[in-house]
Amino acid sequence: MNLNSILIGSADPQRLKDYYTRLFGTPGWNEGGYSGWQIGTGFVTVGPHDQVTGSNTQPGRLIWNIESTDVKGDFERLKAAGATVVREPYQPGEAPDAWIATFSDPDNNYFQLLSPMM
């Protein structure tokens, strides 16, 4: 098996498309109200979903991650592009060589930059 993508459903996908475009550039595809970006070997897609309304009330329930060899540098780049910061880069106690930074999108979905696991 291979996890290759995540779909973020929204009642306002255009708002998410605008936000992620500021962070990741022009989407690699736009079709049928869905927009997607390739990040490394995986894909992030945003689009309409009839079971989604309003903002996420439990943003920590599902957090998607972007691996980065330069968490601090990529954090500054995303922050400068308008990313909403939840937590600045920090080192978790159990992994002193690792870094994590957390962001939120306009629907209050969390995503993180994190150091490679291996």
N, C-alpha and C. Protein backbone atom coordinates (compact mmCIF):
# COMPACT_ATOMS: atom_id res chain seq x y z
N MET A 1 0.83 -1.18 0.00
CA MET A 1 0.00 0.00 0.00
C MET A 1 0.88 1.24 0.00
N ASN A 2 0.26 2.36 -0.40
CA ASN A 2 0.98 3.63 -0.46
C ASN A 2 -0.03 4.76 -0.29
N LEU A 3 0.06 5.50 0.80
CA LEU A 3 -0.78 6.68 0.97
C LEU A 3 -0.25 7.75 0.03
N ASN A 4 -1.09 8.23 -0.89
CA ASN A 4 -0.56 9.18 -1.86
C ASN A 4 -1.22 10.54 -1.83
N SER A 5 -2.34 10.70 -1.10
CA SER A 5 -2.97 12.01 -1.13
C SER A 5 -3.93 12.19 0.03
N ILE A 6 -4.33 13.45 0.20
CA ILE A 6 -5.34 13.81 1.17
C ILE A 6 -6.28 14.79 0.50
N LEU A 7 -7.58 14.63 0.74
CA LEU A 7 -8.60 15.54 0.24
C LEU A 7 -9.15 16.31 1.43
N ILE A 8 -9.13 17.62 1.34
CA ILE A 8 -9.69 18.47 2.38
C ILE A 8 -11.00 19.04 1.84
N GLY A 9 -12.11 18.53 2.38
CA GLY A 9 -13.43 19.01 1.97
C GLY A 9 -13.77 20.31 2.67
N SER A 10 -14.53 21.16 1.96
CA SER A 10 -14.87 22.46 2.51
C SER A 10 -16.19 22.95 1.95
N ALA A 11 -16.90 23.72 2.74
CA ALA A 11 -18.09 24.41 2.25
C ALA A 11 -17.67 25.62 1.42
N ASP A 12 -16.41 26.06 1.55
CA ASP A 12 -15.87 27.19 0.81
C ASP A 12 -14.50 26.83 0.24
N PRO A 13 -14.47 25.93 -0.75
CA PRO A 13 -13.18 25.47 -1.27
C PRO A 13 -12.36 26.58 -1.94
N GLN A 14 -13.01 27.61 -2.45
CA GLN A 14 -12.25 28.70 -3.08
C GLN A 14 -11.38 29.40 -2.04
N ARG A 15 -11.88 29.56 -0.83
CA ARG A 15 -11.10 30.20 0.23
C ARG A 15 -9.86 29.36 0.55
N LEU A 16 -10.02 28.03 0.60
CA LEU A 16 -8.87 27.16 0.85
C LEU A 16 -7.92 27.18 -0.35
N LYS A 17 -8.47 27.18 -1.55
CA LYS A 17 -7.61 27.24 -2.75
C LYS A 17 -6.75 28.50 -2.72
N ASP A 18 -7.35 29.64 -2.40
CA ASP A 18 -6.60 30.90 -2.35
C ASP A 18 -5.50 30.83 -1.29
N TYR A 19 -5.82 30.28 -0.13
CA TYR A 19 -4.85 30.18 0.96
C TYR A 19 -3.67 29.27 0.58
N TYR A 20 -3.98 28.06 0.12
CA TYR A 20 -2.91 27.12 -0.21
C TYR A 20 -2.12 27.57 -1.45
N THR A 21 -2.74 28.33 -2.34
CA THR A 21 -2.00 28.88 -3.48
C THR A 21 -0.95 29.87 -3.01
N ARG A 22 -1.28 30.68 -2.00
CA ARG A 22 -0.27 31.60 -1.44
C ARG A 22 0.91 30.84 -0.86
N LEU A 23 0.62 29.67 -0.27
CA LEU A 23 1.68 28.90 0.38
C LEU A 23 2.47 28.03 -0.58
N PHE A 24 1.76 27.35 -1.50
CA PHE A 24 2.39 26.32 -2.32
C PHE A 24 2.45 26.65 -3.81
N GLY A 25 1.95 27.81 -4.21
CA GLY A 25 1.98 28.20 -5.61
C GLY A 25 0.73 27.76 -6.35
N THR A 26 0.75 27.97 -7.64
CA THR A 26 -0.39 27.63 -8.49
C THR A 26 -0.69 26.14 -8.41
N PRO A 27 -1.95 25.77 -8.22
CA PRO A 27 -2.29 24.35 -8.16
C PRO A 27 -1.86 23.62 -9.43
N GLY A 28 -1.45 22.37 -9.27
CA GLY A 28 -1.08 21.56 -10.43
C GLY A 28 -2.28 21.17 -11.27
N TRP A 29 -3.46 21.21 -10.64
CA TRP A 29 -4.68 20.95 -11.41
C TRP A 29 -5.86 21.63 -10.74
N ASN A 30 -6.84 21.98 -11.57
CA ASN A 30 -8.12 22.56 -11.16
C ASN A 30 -9.18 21.91 -12.03
N GLU A 31 -10.08 21.18 -11.42
CA GLU A 31 -11.11 20.52 -12.21
C GLU A 31 -12.33 20.24 -11.35
N GLY A 32 -13.49 20.63 -11.83
CA GLY A 32 -14.73 20.33 -11.15
C GLY A 32 -14.83 20.90 -9.75
N GLY A 33 -14.19 22.05 -9.50
CA GLY A 33 -14.22 22.65 -8.18
C GLY A 33 -13.11 22.16 -7.26
N TYR A 34 -12.30 21.22 -7.73
CA TYR A 34 -11.19 20.67 -6.94
C TYR A 34 -9.87 21.24 -7.43
N SER A 35 -8.99 21.54 -6.49
CA SER A 35 -7.65 22.05 -6.81
C SER A 35 -6.64 21.25 -6.02
N GLY A 36 -5.49 20.97 -6.65
CA GLY A 36 -4.50 20.14 -5.97
C GLY A 36 -3.08 20.57 -6.21
N TRP A 37 -2.25 20.25 -5.23
CA TRP A 37 -0.82 20.55 -5.26
C TRP A 37 -0.04 19.28 -4.98
N GLN A 38 1.03 19.08 -5.72
CA GLN A 38 1.94 17.99 -5.39
C GLN A 38 3.00 18.55 -4.45
N ILE A 39 3.16 17.89 -3.32
CA ILE A 39 4.18 18.27 -2.34
C ILE A 39 5.03 17.02 -2.13
N GLY A 40 6.24 17.03 -2.64
CA GLY A 40 7.06 15.82 -2.61
C GLY A 40 6.40 14.78 -3.50
N THR A 41 6.18 13.59 -2.97
CA THR A 41 5.55 12.53 -3.76
C THR A 41 4.05 12.42 -3.49
N GLY A 42 3.53 13.23 -2.58
CA GLY A 42 2.11 13.18 -2.25
C GLY A 42 1.35 14.38 -2.79
N PHE A 43 0.04 14.31 -2.66
CA PHE A 43 -0.83 15.35 -3.18
C PHE A 43 -1.79 15.84 -2.10
N VAL A 44 -2.06 17.14 -2.11
CA VAL A 44 -3.07 17.75 -1.26
C VAL A 44 -4.11 18.35 -2.19
N THR A 45 -5.36 17.99 -1.98
CA THR A 45 -6.45 18.48 -2.80
C THR A 45 -7.49 19.13 -1.91
N VAL A 46 -8.06 20.24 -2.36
CA VAL A 46 -9.18 20.87 -1.68
C VAL A 46 -10.36 20.90 -2.64
N GLY A 47 -11.55 20.76 -2.07
CA GLY A 47 -12.73 20.79 -2.91
C GLY A 47 -14.00 20.78 -2.09
N PRO A 48 -15.12 20.89 -2.78
CA PRO A 48 -16.41 20.92 -2.08
C PRO A 48 -16.74 19.55 -1.50
N HIS A 49 -17.48 19.57 -0.39
CA HIS A 49 -17.96 18.33 0.19
C HIS A 49 -19.30 18.61 0.87
N ASP A 50 -20.32 17.84 0.51
CA ASP A 50 -21.66 18.12 1.00
C ASP A 50 -21.85 17.78 2.48
N GLN A 51 -20.90 17.15 3.12
CA GLN A 51 -21.01 16.82 4.54
C GLN A 51 -20.19 17.74 5.42
N VAL A 52 -19.67 18.82 4.84
CA VAL A 52 -18.82 19.75 5.57
C VAL A 52 -19.48 21.12 5.61
N THR A 53 -19.58 21.69 6.81
CA THR A 53 -20.08 23.05 6.98
C THR A 53 -19.21 23.76 8.00
N GLY A 54 -19.03 25.04 7.82
CA GLY A 54 -18.31 25.86 8.80
C GLY A 54 -16.87 25.45 9.01
N SER A 55 -16.31 25.94 10.11
CA SER A 55 -14.93 25.65 10.47
C SER A 55 -14.83 24.36 11.27
N ASN A 56 -13.66 23.75 11.23
CA ASN A 56 -13.37 22.54 11.98
C ASN A 56 -13.35 22.89 13.48
N THR A 57 -14.19 22.24 14.26
CA THR A 57 -14.23 22.52 15.69
C THR A 57 -13.24 21.68 16.49
N GLN A 58 -12.62 20.68 15.84
CA GLN A 58 -11.62 19.84 16.50
C GLN A 58 -10.40 19.71 15.59
N PRO A 59 -9.64 20.79 15.43
CA PRO A 59 -8.55 20.78 14.45
C PRO A 59 -7.42 19.80 14.76
N GLY A 60 -7.30 19.36 15.99
CA GLY A 60 -6.25 18.41 16.33
C GLY A 60 -6.62 16.96 16.05
N ARG A 61 -7.85 16.72 15.64
CA ARG A 61 -8.30 15.34 15.39
C ARG A 61 -7.54 14.71 14.22
N LEU A 62 -7.31 15.47 13.17
CA LEU A 62 -6.56 14.98 12.01
C LEU A 62 -5.58 16.07 11.60
N ILE A 63 -4.31 15.75 11.64
CA ILE A 63 -3.27 16.71 11.26
C ILE A 63 -2.45 16.09 10.14
N TRP A 64 -2.33 16.80 9.03
CA TRP A 64 -1.49 16.27 7.96
C TRP A 64 -0.12 16.94 8.02
N ASN A 65 0.90 16.17 7.62
CA ASN A 65 2.29 16.58 7.82
C ASN A 65 3.04 16.72 6.51
N ILE A 66 3.96 17.67 6.51
CA ILE A 66 4.89 17.87 5.41
C ILE A 66 6.29 17.68 5.98
N GLU A 67 7.01 16.71 5.45
CA GLU A 67 8.38 16.47 5.91
C GLU A 67 9.30 17.55 5.34
N SER A 68 10.19 18.05 6.18
CA SER A 68 11.12 19.10 5.77
C SER A 68 12.47 18.88 6.44
N THR A 69 13.53 19.02 5.67
CA THR A 69 14.87 18.95 6.24
C THR A 69 15.28 20.29 6.85
N ASP A 70 14.46 21.34 6.61
CA ASP A 70 14.72 22.67 7.15
C ASP A 70 13.42 23.25 7.69
N VAL A 71 12.95 22.70 8.81
CA VAL A 71 11.67 23.14 9.38
C VAL A 71 11.68 24.64 9.66
N LYS A 72 12.74 25.14 10.27
CA LYS A 72 12.78 26.56 10.60
C LYS A 72 12.73 27.44 9.35
N GLY A 73 13.50 27.09 8.33
CA GLY A 73 13.51 27.87 7.09
C GLY A 73 12.18 27.80 6.35
N ASP A 74 11.61 26.60 6.23
CA ASP A 74 10.32 26.46 5.57
C ASP A 74 9.21 27.12 6.38
N PHE A 75 9.32 27.07 7.70
CA PHE A 75 8.36 27.76 8.55
C PHE A 75 8.36 29.26 8.23
N GLU A 76 9.52 29.86 8.16
CA GLU A 76 9.62 31.30 7.87
C GLU A 76 9.06 31.62 6.49
N ARG A 77 9.34 30.76 5.51
CA ARG A 77 8.83 30.98 4.15
C ARG A 77 7.30 30.91 4.12
N LEU A 78 6.71 29.90 4.77
CA LEU A 78 5.25 29.77 4.79
C LEU A 78 4.61 30.91 5.59
N LYS A 79 5.22 31.27 6.70
CA LYS A 79 4.72 32.38 7.51
C LYS A 79 4.71 33.67 6.70
N ALA A 80 5.79 33.93 5.97
CA ALA A 80 5.89 35.13 5.13
C ALA A 80 4.84 35.12 4.01
N ALA A 81 4.44 33.93 3.57
CA ALA A 81 3.44 33.81 2.51
C ALA A 81 2.02 33.95 3.04
N GLY A 82 1.88 34.05 4.37
CA GLY A 82 0.56 34.27 4.96
C GLY A 82 -0.02 33.09 5.71
N ALA A 83 0.79 32.06 5.98
CA ALA A 83 0.31 30.91 6.74
C ALA A 83 -0.09 31.34 8.15
N THR A 84 -1.15 30.75 8.66
CA THR A 84 -1.61 31.03 10.01
C THR A 84 -0.86 30.12 10.98
N VAL A 85 -0.07 30.71 11.85
CA VAL A 85 0.78 29.96 12.77
C VAL A 85 -0.03 29.56 14.01
N VAL A 86 0.02 28.27 14.32
CA VAL A 86 -0.55 27.74 15.56
C VAL A 86 0.56 27.59 16.59
N ARG A 87 1.69 27.04 16.14
CA ARG A 87 2.84 26.88 17.03
C ARG A 87 4.13 27.02 16.23
N GLU A 88 5.00 27.88 16.70
CA GLU A 88 6.30 28.09 16.06
C GLU A 88 7.16 26.84 16.21
N PRO A 89 8.24 26.71 15.43
CA PRO A 89 9.06 25.50 15.51
C PRO A 89 9.52 25.21 16.94
N TYR A 90 9.40 23.95 17.30
CA TYR A 90 9.83 23.49 18.62
C TYR A 90 10.40 22.09 18.49
N GLN A 91 11.15 21.70 19.50
CA GLN A 91 11.73 20.36 19.55
C GLN A 91 10.95 19.54 20.58
N PRO A 92 10.31 18.45 20.12
CA PRO A 92 9.59 17.62 21.10
C PRO A 92 10.59 16.96 22.04
N GLY A 93 10.20 16.80 23.28
CA GLY A 93 11.09 16.26 24.31
C GLY A 93 11.65 14.89 24.01
N GLU A 94 10.86 14.04 23.38
CA GLU A 94 11.32 12.67 23.13
C GLU A 94 12.22 12.55 21.90
N ALA A 95 12.34 13.61 21.12
CA ALA A 95 13.18 13.58 19.91
C ALA A 95 13.93 14.91 19.78
N PRO A 96 15.02 15.07 20.52
CA PRO A 96 15.69 16.36 20.57
C PRO A 96 16.31 16.83 19.25
N ASP A 97 16.49 15.95 18.27
CA ASP A 97 17.01 16.37 16.97
C ASP A 97 15.91 16.71 15.98
N ALA A 98 14.67 16.54 16.37
CA ALA A 98 13.53 16.77 15.49
C ALA A 98 12.91 18.15 15.75
N TRP A 99 12.26 18.67 14.72
CA TRP A 99 11.54 19.94 14.82
C TRP A 99 10.13 19.76 14.30
N ILE A 100 9.19 20.50 14.88
CA ILE A 100 7.80 20.50 14.43
C ILE A 100 7.31 21.95 14.48
N ALA A 101 6.52 22.34 13.47
CA ALA A 101 5.83 23.63 13.47
C ALA A 101 4.40 23.37 12.99
N THR A 102 3.43 24.04 13.59
CA THR A 102 2.03 23.78 13.28
C THR A 102 1.35 25.03 12.73
N PHE A 103 0.53 24.81 11.69
CA PHE A 103 -0.23 25.87 11.03
C PHE A 103 -1.71 25.48 11.00
N SER A 104 -2.55 26.45 10.65
CA SER A 104 -3.97 26.22 10.48
C SER A 104 -4.42 26.87 9.18
N ASP A 105 -5.36 26.22 8.48
CA ASP A 105 -5.91 26.84 7.28
C ASP A 105 -7.19 27.61 7.63
N PRO A 106 -7.82 28.30 6.68
CA PRO A 106 -9.00 29.10 7.00
C PRO A 106 -10.20 28.30 7.54
N ASP A 107 -10.24 26.99 7.29
CA ASP A 107 -11.30 26.15 7.86
C ASP A 107 -10.89 25.56 9.21
N ASN A 108 -9.75 25.97 9.72
CA ASN A 108 -9.21 25.53 11.00
C ASN A 108 -8.75 24.07 10.99
N ASN A 109 -8.23 23.63 9.85
CA ASN A 109 -7.59 22.32 9.74
C ASN A 109 -6.10 22.52 9.99
N TYR A 110 -5.51 21.65 10.80
CA TYR A 110 -4.09 21.77 11.12
C TYR A 110 -3.23 20.99 10.14
N PHE A 111 -2.05 21.57 9.85
CA PHE A 111 -1.00 20.84 9.15
C PHE A 111 0.33 21.26 9.77
N GLN A 112 1.32 20.40 9.63
CA GLN A 112 2.62 20.61 10.29
C GLN A 112 3.77 20.41 9.33
N LEU A 113 4.84 21.13 9.64
CA LEU A 113 6.15 20.81 9.09
C LEU A 113 6.84 19.97 10.14
N LEU A 114 7.52 18.93 9.71
CA LEU A 114 8.28 18.14 10.68
C LEU A 114 9.54 17.58 10.06
N SER A 115 10.52 17.40 10.92
CA SER A 115 11.80 16.83 10.49
C SER A 115 11.57 15.40 10.00
N PRO A 116 12.43 14.93 9.08
CA PRO A 116 12.32 13.53 8.64
C PRO A 116 12.36 12.57 9.82
N MET A 117 11.54 11.54 9.76
CA MET A 117 11.44 10.57 10.84
C MET A 117 12.65 9.63 10.86
N MET A 118 13.22 9.38 9.74
CA MET A 118 14.36 8.46 9.66
C MET A 118 15.51 9.11 8.97
